[in-house]
């Protein structure tokens, strides 16, 4: 059976929304295995002196859940 997990992640960049997306996926891939897709939920920005100074994106990141595999048991007693 194939299953996926979804998590919501917020990414930041001072360059662009695309850069925020790419950096967030790169960071997520360091701790999550089998990334499969993203949905951009929202894009926002902070403005200072009439210029965008920080881009923010909320992403729904999906990844495959690996099937549970029981660990082999050691039949020897530790006596």
PDB file of N, CA and C in Angstrom:
ATOM      1  N   UNK A   1       0.833  -1.177   0.000  1.00  0.00           N
ATOM      2  CA  UNK A   1       0.000   0.000   0.000  1.00  0.00           C
ATOM      3  C   UNK A   1       0.885   1.249   0.000  1.00  0.00           C
ATOM      4  N   UNK A   2       0.569   2.197  -0.854  1.00  0.00           N
ATOM      5  CA  UNK A   2       1.319   3.452  -0.902  1.00  0.00           C
ATOM      6  C   UNK A   2       0.579   4.523  -0.130  1.00  0.00           C
ATOM      7  N   UNK A   3       1.318   5.243   0.699  1.00  0.00           N
ATOM      8  CA  UNK A   3       0.744   6.339   1.470  1.00  0.00           C
ATOM      9  C   UNK A   3       1.684   7.519   1.435  1.00  0.00           C
ATOM     10  N   UNK A   4       1.112   8.703   1.561  1.00  0.00           N
ATOM     11  CA  UNK A   4       1.911   9.917   1.619  1.00  0.00           C
ATOM     12  C   UNK A   4       1.533  10.724   2.860  1.00  0.00           C
ATOM     13  N   UNK A   5       2.494  11.427   3.361  1.00  0.00           N
ATOM     14  CA  UNK A   5       2.298  12.346   4.482  1.00  0.00           C
ATOM     15  C   UNK A   5       2.432  13.757   3.926  1.00  0.00           C
ATOM     16  N   UNK A   6       1.675  14.697   4.480  1.00  0.00           N
ATOM     17  CA  UNK A   6       1.748  16.099   4.081  1.00  0.00           C
ATOM     18  C   UNK A   6       2.121  16.928   5.297  1.00  0.00           C
ATOM     19  N   UNK A   7       3.037  17.869   5.079  1.00  0.00           N
ATOM     20  CA  UNK A   7       3.372  18.803   6.150  1.00  0.00           C
ATOM     21  C   UNK A   7       3.340  20.219   5.582  1.00  0.00           C
ATOM     22  N   UNK A   8       3.006  21.162   6.424  1.00  0.00           N
ATOM     23  CA  UNK A   8       3.010  22.563   6.019  1.00  0.00           C
ATOM     24  C   UNK A   8       4.298  23.192   6.522  1.00  0.00           C
ATOM     25  N   UNK A   9       5.007  23.858   5.604  1.00  0.00           N
ATOM     26  CA  UNK A   9       6.296  24.459   5.925  1.00  0.00           C
ATOM     27  C   UNK A   9       6.306  25.888   5.389  1.00  0.00           C
ATOM     28  N   UNK A  10       6.902  26.808   6.144  1.00  0.00           N
ATOM     29  CA  UNK A  10       7.068  28.181   5.687  1.00  0.00           C
ATOM     30  C   UNK A  10       8.535  28.419   5.360  1.00  0.00           C
ATOM     31  N   UNK A  11       8.779  28.952   4.174  1.00  0.00           N
ATOM     32  CA  UNK A  11      10.139  29.248   3.736  1.00  0.00           C
ATOM     33  C   UNK A  11      10.337  30.741   3.550  1.00  0.00           C
ATOM     34  N   UNK A  12      11.583  31.180   3.652  1.00  0.00           N
ATOM     35  CA  UNK A  12      11.922  32.602   3.585  1.00  0.00           C
ATOM     36  C   UNK A  12      13.084  32.829   2.636  1.00  0.00           C
ATOM     37  N   UNK A  13      13.097  34.001   2.006  1.00  0.00           N
ATOM     38  CA  UNK A  13      14.214  34.405   1.158  1.00  0.00           C
ATOM     39  C   UNK A  13      14.210  35.926   1.058  1.00  0.00           C
ATOM     40  N   UNK A  14      15.380  36.502   0.883  1.00  0.00           N
ATOM     41  CA  UNK A  14      15.444  37.939   0.626  1.00  0.00           C
ATOM     42  C   UNK A  14      15.647  38.207  -0.866  1.00  0.00           C
ATOM     43  N   UNK A  15      15.539  37.137  -1.692  1.00  0.00           N
ATOM     44  CA  UNK A  15      15.750  37.264  -3.141  1.00  0.00           C
ATOM     45  C   UNK A  15      14.433  37.207  -3.913  1.00  0.00           C
ATOM     46  N   UNK A  16      13.645  36.116  -3.714  1.00  0.00           N
ATOM     47  CA  UNK A  16      12.402  35.947  -4.474  1.00  0.00           C
ATOM     48  C   UNK A  16      11.560  34.835  -3.862  1.00  0.00           C
ATOM     49  N   UNK A  17      10.288  34.745  -4.318  1.00  0.00           N
ATOM     50  CA  UNK A  17       9.445  33.645  -3.870  1.00  0.00           C
ATOM     51  C   UNK A  17       9.996  32.325  -4.392  1.00  0.00           C
ATOM     52  N   UNK A  18      10.471  32.322  -5.630  1.00  0.00           N
ATOM     53  CA  UNK A  18      11.042  31.085  -6.192  1.00  0.00           C
ATOM     54  C   UNK A  18      12.228  30.627  -5.349  1.00  0.00           C
ATOM     55  N   UNK A  19      13.083  31.551  -4.962  1.00  0.00           N
ATOM     56  CA  UNK A  19      14.238  31.206  -4.134  1.00  0.00           C
ATOM     57  C   UNK A  19      13.786  30.644  -2.789  1.00  0.00           C
ATOM     58  N   UNK A  20      12.730  31.215  -2.214  1.00  0.00           N
ATOM     59  CA  UNK A  20      12.204  30.698  -0.949  1.00  0.00           C
ATOM     60  C   UNK A  20      11.709  29.263  -1.118  1.00  0.00           C
ATOM     61  N   UNK A  21      11.041  28.987  -2.240  1.00  0.00           N
ATOM     62  CA  UNK A  21      10.550  27.630  -2.507  1.00  0.00           C
ATOM     63  C   UNK A  21      11.712  26.659  -2.659  1.00  0.00           C
ATOM     64  N   UNK A  22      12.677  27.021  -3.487  1.00  0.00           N
ATOM     65  CA  UNK A  22      13.822  26.134  -3.749  1.00  0.00           C
ATOM     66  C   UNK A  22      14.607  25.862  -2.464  1.00  0.00           C
ATOM     67  N   UNK A  23      14.865  26.891  -1.677  1.00  0.00           N
ATOM     68  CA  UNK A  23      15.614  26.717  -0.424  1.00  0.00           C
ATOM     69  C   UNK A  23      14.847  25.850   0.571  1.00  0.00           C
ATOM     70  N   UNK A  24      13.537  26.030   0.623  1.00  0.00           N
ATOM     71  CA  UNK A  24      12.726  25.251   1.558  1.00  0.00           C
ATOM     72  C   UNK A  24      12.712  23.780   1.180  1.00  0.00           C
ATOM     73  N   UNK A  25      12.595  23.488  -0.097  1.00  0.00           N
ATOM     74  CA  UNK A  25      12.635  22.093  -0.554  1.00  0.00           C
ATOM     75  C   UNK A  25      14.006  21.486  -0.265  1.00  0.00           C
ATOM     76  N   UNK A  26      15.047  22.250  -0.500  1.00  0.00           N
ATOM     77  CA  UNK A  26      16.409  21.769  -0.219  1.00  0.00           C
ATOM     78  C   UNK A  26      16.571  21.440   1.262  1.00  0.00           C
ATOM     79  N   UNK A  27      16.106  22.315   2.135  1.00  0.00           N
ATOM     80  CA  UNK A  27      16.205  22.066   3.581  1.00  0.00           C
ATOM     81  C   UNK A  27      15.353  20.869   3.994  1.00  0.00           C
ATOM     82  N   UNK A  28      14.130  20.787   3.484  1.00  0.00           N
ATOM     83  CA  UNK A  28      13.242  19.675   3.848  1.00  0.00           C
ATOM     84  C   UNK A  28      13.835  18.336   3.407  1.00  0.00           C
ATOM     85  N   UNK A  29      14.498  18.319   2.256  1.00  0.00           N
ATOM     86  CA  UNK A  29      15.054  17.065   1.740  1.00  0.00           C
ATOM     87  C   UNK A  29      16.210  16.546   2.590  1.00  0.00           C
ATOM     88  N   UNK A  30      16.757  17.382   3.452  1.00  0.00           N
ATOM     89  CA  UNK A  30      17.849  16.940   4.329  1.00  0.00           C
ATOM     90  C   UNK A  30      17.346  16.057   5.469  1.00  0.00           C
ATOM     91  N   UNK A  31      16.067  16.215   5.839  1.00  0.00           N
ATOM     92  CA  UNK A  31      15.532  15.429   6.949  1.00  0.00           C
ATOM     93  C   UNK A  31      14.349  14.554   6.560  1.00  0.00           C
ATOM     94  N   UNK A  32      13.762  14.792   5.406  1.00  0.00           N
ATOM     95  CA  UNK A  32      12.639  13.983   4.929  1.00  0.00           C
ATOM     96  C   UNK A  32      13.065  13.205   3.696  1.00  0.00           C
ATOM     97  N   UNK A  33      12.667  11.934   3.639  1.00  0.00           N
ATOM     98  CA  UNK A  33      13.000  11.106   2.482  1.00  0.00           C
ATOM     99  C   UNK A  33      11.809  11.037   1.544  1.00  0.00           C
ATOM    100  N   UNK A  34      12.080  10.773   0.296  1.00  0.00           N
ATOM    101  CA  UNK A  34      11.052  10.484  -0.704  1.00  0.00           C
ATOM    102  C   UNK A  34      10.058  11.621  -0.914  1.00  0.00           C
ATOM    103  N   UNK A  35      10.560  12.863  -1.045  1.00  0.00           N
ATOM    104  CA  UNK A  35       9.668  13.971  -1.358  1.00  0.00           C
ATOM    105  C   UNK A  35       9.012  13.706  -2.707  1.00  0.00           C
ATOM    106  N   UNK A  36       7.721  13.987  -2.814  1.00  0.00           N
ATOM    107  CA  UNK A  36       7.009  13.696  -4.057  1.00  0.00           C
ATOM    108  C   UNK A  36       6.399  14.925  -4.718  1.00  0.00           C
ATOM    109  N   UNK A  37       5.949  15.908  -3.927  1.00  0.00           N
ATOM    110  CA  UNK A  37       5.328  17.079  -4.544  1.00  0.00           C
ATOM    111  C   UNK A  37       5.202  18.209  -3.536  1.00  0.00           C
ATOM    112  N   UNK A  38       4.923  19.401  -4.084  1.00  0.00           N
ATOM    113  CA  UNK A  38       4.615  20.549  -3.236  1.00  0.00           C
ATOM    114  C   UNK A  38       3.400  21.265  -3.819  1.00  0.00           C
ATOM    115  N   UNK A  39       2.687  21.941  -2.945  1.00  0.00           N
ATOM    116  CA  UNK A  39       1.640  22.867  -3.348  1.00  0.00           C
ATOM    117  C   UNK A  39       1.970  24.185  -2.668  1.00  0.00           C
ATOM    118  N   UNK A  40       2.029  25.250  -3.450  1.00  0.00           N
ATOM    119  CA  UNK A  40       2.254  26.567  -2.871  1.00  0.00           C
ATOM    120  C   UNK A  40       0.912  27.049  -2.339  1.00  0.00           C
ATOM    121  N   UNK A  41       0.815  27.150  -1.016  1.00  0.00           N
ATOM    122  CA  UNK A  41      -0.432  27.533  -0.372  1.00  0.00           C
ATOM    123  C   UNK A  41      -0.610  29.050  -0.326  1.00  0.00           C
ATOM    124  N   UNK A  42       0.487  29.745  -0.072  1.00  0.00           N
ATOM    125  CA  UNK A  42       0.393  31.199   0.052  1.00  0.00           C
ATOM    126  C   UNK A  42       1.761  31.825  -0.180  1.00  0.00           C
ATOM    127  N   UNK A  43       1.756  33.027  -0.738  1.00  0.00           N
ATOM    128  CA  UNK A  43       2.968  33.822  -0.890  1.00  0.00           C
ATOM    129  C   UNK A  43       2.726  35.161  -0.211  1.00  0.00           C
ATOM    130  N   UNK A  44       3.725  35.616   0.573  1.00  0.00           N
ATOM    131  CA  UNK A  44       3.641  36.885   1.271  1.00  0.00           C
ATOM    132  C   UNK A  44       4.995  37.572   1.183  1.00  0.00           C
ATOM    133  N   UNK A  45       5.022  38.830   1.580  1.00  0.00           N
ATOM    134  CA  UNK A  45       6.293  39.551   1.608  1.00  0.00           C
ATOM    135  C   UNK A  45       6.245  40.632   2.667  1.00  0.00           C
ATOM    136  N   UNK A  46       7.415  40.919   3.235  1.00  0.00           N
ATOM    137  CA  UNK A  46       7.580  42.057   4.136  1.00  0.00           C
ATOM    138  C   UNK A  46       8.175  43.204   3.335  1.00  0.00           C
ATOM    139  N   UNK A  47       7.677  44.406   3.619  1.00  0.00           N
ATOM    140  CA  UNK A  47       8.112  45.593   2.880  1.00  0.00           C
ATOM    141  C   UNK A  47       8.749  46.574   3.857  1.00  0.00           C
ATOM    142  N   UNK A  48       9.834  47.189   3.420  1.00  0.00           N
ATOM    143  CA  UNK A  48      10.487  48.251   4.183  1.00  0.00           C
ATOM    144  C   UNK A  48      10.947  49.316   3.187  1.00  0.00           C
ATOM    145  N   UNK A  49      10.678  50.565   3.488  1.00  0.00           N
ATOM    146  CA  UNK A  49      11.038  51.680   2.596  1.00  0.00           C
ATOM    147  C   UNK A  49      10.530  51.452   1.172  1.00  0.00           C
ATOM    148  N   UNK A  50       9.288  50.979   1.083  1.00  0.00           N
ATOM    149  CA  UNK A  50       8.612  50.762  -0.207  1.00  0.00           C
ATOM    150  C   UNK A  50       9.256  49.686  -1.076  1.00  0.00           C
ATOM    151  N   UNK A  51      10.047  48.803  -0.472  1.00  0.00           N
ATOM    152  CA  UNK A  51      10.671  47.700  -1.218  1.00  0.00           C
ATOM    153  C   UNK A  51      10.465  46.394  -0.469  1.00  0.00           C
ATOM    154  N   UNK A  52      10.345  45.310  -1.229  1.00  0.00           N
ATOM    155  CA  UNK A  52      10.246  43.984  -0.608  1.00  0.00           C
ATOM    156  C   UNK A  52      11.602  43.630  -0.020  1.00  0.00           C
ATOM    157  N   UNK A  53      11.595  43.278   1.259  1.00  0.00           N
ATOM    158  CA  UNK A  53      12.842  42.914   1.934  1.00  0.00           C
ATOM    159  C   UNK A  53      12.875  41.431   2.318  1.00  0.00           C
ATOM    160  N   UNK A  54      11.707  40.770   2.293  1.00  0.00           N
ATOM    161  CA  UNK A  54      11.680  39.342   2.617  1.00  0.00           C
ATOM    162  C   UNK A  54      10.466  38.705   1.952  1.00  0.00           C
ATOM    163  N   UNK A  55      10.722  37.611   1.246  1.00  0.00           N
ATOM    164  CA  UNK A  55       9.681  36.822   0.595  1.00  0.00           C
ATOM    165  C   UNK A  55       9.382  35.607   1.461  1.00  0.00           C
ATOM    166  N   UNK A  56       8.095  35.268   1.592  1.00  0.00           N
ATOM    167  CA  UNK A  56       7.702  34.114   2.400  1.00  0.00           C
ATOM    168  C   UNK A  56       6.726  33.256   1.606  1.00  0.00           C
ATOM    169  N   UNK A  57       6.876  31.945   1.729  1.00  0.00           N
ATOM    170  CA  UNK A  57       5.968  31.005   1.073  1.00  0.00           C
ATOM    171  C   UNK A  57       5.534  29.947   2.072  1.00  0.00           C
ATOM    172  N   UNK A  58       4.264  29.601   2.029  1.00  0.00           N
ATOM    173  CA  UNK A  58       3.751  28.456   2.785  1.00  0.00           C
ATOM    174  C   UNK A  58       3.581  27.324   1.789  1.00  0.00           C
ATOM    175  N   UNK A  59       4.207  26.199   2.078  1.00  0.00           N
ATOM    176  CA  UNK A  59       4.178  25.042   1.187  1.00  0.00           C
ATOM    177  C   UNK A  59       3.539  23.851   1.875  1.00  0.00           C
ATOM    178  N   UNK A  60       2.791  23.082   1.108  1.00  0.00           N
ATOM    179  CA  UNK A  60       2.328  21.753   1.528  1.00  0.00           C
ATOM    180  C   UNK A  60       3.281  20.789   0.841  1.00  0.00           C
ATOM    181  N   UNK A  61       4.155  20.170   1.615  1.00  0.00           N
ATOM    182  CA  UNK A  61       5.144  19.235   1.070  1.00  0.00           C
ATOM    183  C   UNK A  61       4.663  17.812   1.323  1.00  0.00           C
ATOM    184  N   UNK A  62       4.687  16.997   0.275  1.00  0.00           N
ATOM    185  CA  UNK A  62       4.270  15.593   0.382  1.00  0.00           C
ATOM    186  C   UNK A  62       5.485  14.686   0.260  1.00  0.00           C
ATOM    187  N   UNK A  63       5.439  13.584   1.011  1.00  0.00           N
ATOM    188  CA  UNK A  63       6.490  12.584   0.886  1.00  0.00           C
ATOM    189  C   UNK A  63       5.902  11.216   1.156  1.00  0.00           C
ATOM    190  N   UNK A  64       6.514  10.212   0.520  1.00  0.00           N
ATOM    191  CA  UNK A  64       6.039   8.840   0.679  1.00  0.00           C
ATOM    192  C   UNK A  64       6.384   8.316   2.059  1.00  0.00           C
ATOM    193  N   UNK A  65       5.462   7.564   2.619  1.00  0.00           N
ATOM    194  CA  UNK A  65       5.703   6.887   3.885  1.00  0.00           C
ATOM    195  C   UNK A  65       6.245   5.507   3.559  1.00  0.00           C
ATOM    196  N   UNK A  66       7.390   5.196   4.118  1.00  0.00           N
ATOM    197  CA  UNK A  66       7.976   3.884   3.871  1.00  0.00           C
ATOM    198  C   UNK A  66       7.208   2.827   4.651  1.00  0.00           C
ATOM    199  N   UNK A  67       6.972   1.672   4.017  1.00  0.00           N
ATOM    200  CA  UNK A  67       6.259   0.596   4.719  1.00  0.00           C
ATOM    201  C   UNK A  67       7.031   0.148   5.957  1.00  0.00           C
ATOM    202  N   UNK A  68       6.291  -0.187   6.993  1.00  0.00           N
ATOM    203  CA  UNK A  68       6.903  -0.673   8.223  1.00  0.00           C
ATOM    204  C   UNK A  68       7.512  -2.044   7.977  1.00  0.00           C
ATOM    205  N   UNK A  69       8.733  -2.215   8.411  1.00  0.00           N
ATOM    206  CA  UNK A  69       9.396  -3.504   8.306  1.00  0.00           C
ATOM    207  C   UNK A  69       9.876  -3.895   9.693  1.00  0.00           C
ATOM    208  N   UNK A  70       9.355  -5.008  10.169  1.00  0.00           N
ATOM    209  CA  UNK A  70       9.770  -5.471  11.494  1.00  0.00           C
ATOM    210  C   UNK A  70      11.246  -5.831  11.485  1.00  0.00           C
ATOM    211  N   UNK A  71      11.889  -5.488  12.555  1.00  0.00           N
ATOM    212  CA  UNK A  71      13.289  -5.843  12.717  1.00  0.00           C
ATOM    213  C   UNK A  71      13.385  -7.305  13.115  1.00  0.00           C
ATOM    214  N   UNK A  72      14.345  -8.021  12.553  1.00  0.00           N
ATOM    215  CA  UNK A  72      14.496  -9.422  12.971  1.00  0.00           C
ATOM    216  C   UNK A  72      14.821  -9.496  14.453  1.00  0.00           C
ATOM    217  N   UNK A  73      14.216 -10.471  15.110  1.00  0.00           N
ATOM    218  CA  UNK A  73      14.486 -10.628  16.542  1.00  0.00           C
ATOM    219  C   UNK A  73      15.672 -11.533  16.743  1.00  0.00           C
ATOM    220  N   UNK A  74      16.394 -11.244  17.801  1.00  0.00           N
ATOM    221  CA  UNK A  74      17.541 -12.056  18.166  1.00  0.00           C
ATOM    222  C   UNK A  74      17.049 -13.103  19.152  1.00  0.00           C
ATOM    223  N   UNK A  75      17.083 -14.377  18.761  1.00  0.00           N
ATOM    224  CA  UNK A  75      16.549 -15.445  19.601  1.00  0.00           C
ATOM    225  C   UNK A  75      17.458 -15.818  20.758  1.00  0.00           C
ATOM    226  N   UNK A  76      18.635 -15.238  20.823  1.00  0.00           N
ATOM    227  CA  UNK A  76      19.539 -15.564  21.946  1.00  0.00           C
ATOM    228  C   UNK A  76      19.220 -14.687  23.130  1.00  0.00           C
ATOM    229  N   UNK A  77      19.149 -15.301  24.283  1.00  0.00           N
ATOM    230  CA  UNK A  77      18.910 -14.551  25.521  1.00  0.00           C
ATOM    231  C   UNK A  77      20.223 -13.950  25.996  1.00  0.00           C
ATOM    232  N   UNK A  78      20.128 -12.810  26.578  1.00  0.00           N
ATOM    233  CA  UNK A  78      21.309 -12.151  27.131  1.00  0.00           C
ATOM    234  C   UNK A  78      21.478 -12.557  28.591  1.00  0.00           C
ATOM    235  N   UNK A  79      21.862 -13.775  28.827  1.00  0.00           N
ATOM    236  CA  UNK A  79      22.060 -14.262  30.197  1.00  0.00           C
ATOM    237  C   UNK A  79      23.503 -14.396  30.478  1.00  0.00           C
TER     238      UNK A  79
END
